[in-house]
Amino acid sequence: MNLSRRLIFVATLSYGALLPAGATEASAAGLAAADASAHEASATVPSSLRSALDRHLAAINARDLDALLDTVTHGDKLTVILPDGKVLETREQYRQLHVDWFKDADWRMVFEVQDVREFGAAGIARVKYDSQAKEASGRYASRRVALLSLVFARERGEWRLVYDQNTVIPAPASS
């Protein structure tokens, strides 16, 4: 496989989920070229994807539902895969999950942003988190450690969450 063929293949893999039905390798290559231009431009202009991510994570820790919803899609379709594998598919389900979760004051999340990447009008963030529960002593203990894969899309010029995947990191085996 020659280099140009490999680049088109990679572009097709990278953008396959974003391409409309019937899109061709040429349109994937065009998106790849646009992505390269976007990366060159983002090298000189600070990106707001990271600030959108920071606002999103801060809203969770502040239990601020309005601020959180200001970081998610305006559309009805918002996919969330919870740590137990349950799938939520709408913005309303996402809202209700957080209404219920935010009522509980005995938790905190410790976030570690591991990677943030832009691909034109889409962005992906990988965030490790430690979900902690408050014990009777007042100390916090880890409930689970997991990775978030957060996909943002540009809507009306702003980054908005459209997909949220939680993957539990198994605890190390005890000896």
Protein backbone atom coordinates (compact mmCIF):
# COMPACT_ATOMS: atom_id res chain seq x y z
CA MET A 1 0.00 0.00 0.00
CA ASN A 2 1.57 3.31 -1.03
CA LEU A 3 1.74 6.30 1.32
CA SER A 4 -1.14 8.29 -0.23
CA ARG A 5 -3.35 5.20 -0.06
CA ARG A 6 -2.44 4.75 3.64
CA LEU A 7 -3.25 8.39 4.38
CA ILE A 8 -6.67 8.05 2.77
CA PHE A 9 -7.24 4.83 4.74
CA VAL A 10 -6.31 6.56 8.01
CA ALA A 11 -8.50 9.53 7.13
CA THR A 12 -11.38 7.18 6.39
CA LEU A 13 -10.90 5.46 9.75
CA SER A 14 -10.61 8.78 11.57
CA TYR A 15 -13.63 10.36 9.95
CA GLY A 16 -15.74 7.33 9.12
CA ALA A 17 -18.24 7.99 11.91
CA LEU A 18 -18.49 11.63 10.87
CA LEU A 19 -19.02 11.04 7.16
CA PRO A 20 -22.52 10.89 5.69
CA ALA A 21 -23.67 7.68 4.06
CA GLY A 22 -22.16 7.27 0.61
CA ALA A 23 -19.14 9.45 1.34
CA THR A 24 -16.11 8.59 -0.74
CA GLU A 25 -12.40 8.26 -0.07
CA ALA A 26 -12.02 11.60 -1.82
CA SER A 27 -14.32 13.29 0.71
CA ALA A 28 -12.39 11.60 3.54
CA ALA A 29 -9.15 12.88 2.03
CA GLY A 30 -10.72 16.36 1.80
CA LEU A 31 -11.63 16.19 5.49
CA ALA A 32 -8.09 15.06 6.30
CA ALA A 33 -6.71 18.07 4.43
CA ALA A 34 -9.13 20.36 6.28
CA ASP A 35 -8.05 18.74 9.54
CA ALA A 36 -4.39 19.41 8.73
CA SER A 37 -5.25 23.06 8.06
CA ALA A 38 -7.19 23.24 11.32
CA HIS A 39 -4.20 21.84 13.21
CA GLU A 40 -1.89 24.42 11.63
CA ALA A 41 -4.32 27.19 12.55
CA SER A 42 -4.76 25.88 16.10
CA ALA A 43 -0.99 26.03 16.60
CA THR A 44 -1.18 29.82 16.39
CA VAL A 45 -4.66 30.44 17.87
CA PRO A 46 -5.42 29.13 21.35
CA SER A 47 -8.18 26.56 21.27
CA SER A 48 -11.32 26.85 23.32
CA LEU A 49 -11.81 23.06 23.45
CA ARG A 50 -9.69 22.82 26.59
CA SER A 51 -11.60 25.68 28.22
CA ALA A 52 -14.91 23.98 27.35
CA LEU A 53 -13.60 20.77 28.90
CA ASP A 54 -12.43 22.63 32.01
CA ARG A 55 -15.85 24.31 32.37
CA HIS A 56 -17.54 20.92 31.97
CA LEU A 57 -15.43 19.24 34.67
CA ALA A 58 -15.71 22.22 37.03
CA ALA A 59 -19.51 22.20 36.69
CA ILE A 60 -19.55 18.53 37.73
CA ASN A 61 -17.48 19.18 40.84
CA ALA A 62 -19.56 22.26 41.68
CA ARG A 63 -22.79 20.25 41.15
CA ASP A 64 -23.92 23.14 38.96
CA LEU A 65 -26.53 21.68 36.62
CA ASP A 66 -27.07 24.88 34.62
CA ALA A 67 -23.33 25.33 34.02
CA LEU A 68 -23.02 21.65 33.08
CA LEU A 69 -25.90 21.78 30.60
CA ASP A 70 -24.30 24.85 29.07
CA THR A 71 -21.41 22.58 27.99
CA VAL A 72 -23.50 19.87 26.29
CA THR A 73 -25.24 19.68 22.92
CA HIS A 74 -28.36 21.70 22.28
CA GLY A 75 -29.67 18.74 20.30
CA ASP A 76 -31.68 15.85 21.71
CA LYS A 77 -29.07 13.17 20.89
CA LEU A 78 -26.42 12.81 23.61
CA THR A 79 -24.91 9.38 24.18
CA VAL A 80 -23.57 8.43 27.60
CA ILE A 81 -22.17 5.02 28.48
CA LEU A 82 -22.02 4.64 32.24
CA PRO A 83 -19.37 2.62 34.08
CA ASP A 84 -21.82 -0.29 34.45
CA GLY A 85 -22.44 -0.37 30.69
CA LYS A 86 -25.89 1.26 30.79
CA VAL A 87 -26.45 3.49 27.77
CA LEU A 88 -28.30 6.81 27.88
CA GLU A 89 -29.17 8.31 24.52
CA THR A 90 -30.79 11.70 25.06
CA ARG A 91 -29.96 15.09 26.51
CA GLU A 92 -32.95 14.73 28.84
CA GLN A 93 -31.65 11.42 30.23
CA TYR A 94 -28.26 13.09 30.74
CA ARG A 95 -29.92 16.00 32.55
CA GLN A 96 -31.94 13.70 34.81
CA LEU A 97 -28.89 11.59 35.66
CA HIS A 98 -27.13 14.71 36.89
CA VAL A 99 -30.19 16.07 38.74
CA ASP A 100 -30.24 12.83 40.74
CA TRP A 101 -26.46 12.60 41.17
CA PHE A 102 -26.04 16.22 42.24
CA LYS A 103 -28.57 15.74 45.09
CA ASP A 104 -25.97 13.56 46.85
CA ALA A 105 -23.37 15.74 48.57
CA ASP A 106 -21.12 12.93 49.81
CA TRP A 107 -18.87 12.55 46.76
CA ARG A 108 -16.20 14.29 44.81
CA MET A 109 -14.38 13.66 41.56
CA VAL A 110 -10.65 14.09 41.10
CA PHE A 111 -9.99 14.67 37.39
CA GLU A 112 -6.73 14.28 35.50
CA VAL A 113 -6.90 15.45 31.89
CA GLN A 114 -4.68 13.09 29.92
CA ASP A 115 -5.23 14.14 26.32
CA VAL A 116 -7.22 16.72 24.36
CA ARG A 117 -7.26 16.64 20.55
CA GLU A 118 -9.12 18.57 17.89
CA PHE A 119 -10.17 17.14 14.54
CA GLY A 120 -11.79 20.03 12.70
CA ALA A 121 -15.31 20.38 14.11
CA ALA A 122 -14.86 17.47 16.56
CA GLY A 123 -12.70 17.15 19.63
CA ILE A 124 -11.86 14.28 21.94
CA ALA A 125 -10.72 14.44 25.54
CA ARG A 126 -9.43 11.53 27.61
CA VAL A 127 -9.82 12.18 31.31
CA LYS A 128 -8.90 9.87 34.15
CA TYR A 129 -11.01 10.30 37.24
CA ASP A 130 -11.14 9.03 40.79
CA SER A 131 -14.71 8.90 42.06
CA GLN A 132 -14.54 9.33 45.81
CA ALA A 133 -17.15 8.92 48.54
CA LYS A 134 -17.13 10.71 51.89
CA GLU A 135 -16.73 8.30 54.79
CA ALA A 136 -18.26 8.74 58.26
CA SER A 137 -14.88 10.08 59.42
CA GLY A 138 -15.18 12.90 56.88
CA ARG A 139 -12.32 11.53 54.76
CA TYR A 140 -12.81 10.66 51.12
CA ALA A 141 -12.13 7.14 49.84
CA SER A 142 -11.90 6.01 46.25
CA ARG A 143 -14.97 4.19 44.89
CA ARG A 144 -13.59 3.61 41.43
CA VAL A 145 -11.02 4.92 39.01
CA ALA A 146 -12.10 5.25 35.41
CA LEU A 147 -11.37 6.86 32.07
CA LEU A 148 -13.73 9.22 30.35
CA SER A 149 -13.71 9.52 26.60
CA LEU A 150 -15.52 12.78 25.93
CA VAL A 151 -16.38 13.79 22.38
CA PHE A 152 -17.21 17.41 21.72
CA ALA A 153 -18.58 18.93 18.51
CA ARG A 154 -18.77 22.54 17.40
CA GLU A 155 -22.30 23.90 17.62
CA ARG A 156 -22.92 27.55 16.82
CA GLY A 157 -19.20 28.20 17.21
CA GLU A 158 -18.91 26.59 20.66
CA TRP A 159 -17.63 23.20 21.79
CA ARG A 160 -20.46 21.00 23.12
CA LEU A 161 -20.37 17.50 24.58
CA VAL A 162 -22.07 14.94 22.32
CA TYR A 163 -20.67 11.63 23.61
CA ASP A 164 -19.47 10.48 27.06
CA GLN A 165 -17.94 7.01 27.57
CA ASN A 166 -16.96 5.82 31.06
CA THR A 167 -14.55 2.88 31.29
CA VAL A 168 -13.67 1.51 34.72
CA ILE A 169 -10.00 0.82 35.33
CA PRO A 170 -9.85 -2.45 37.28
CA ALA A 171 -8.16 -2.24 40.67
CA PRO A 172 -4.74 -3.89 40.76
CA ALA A 173 -4.87 -7.50 41.89
CA SER A 174 -3.87 -7.79 45.51
CA SER A 175 -1.02 -10.17 46.31
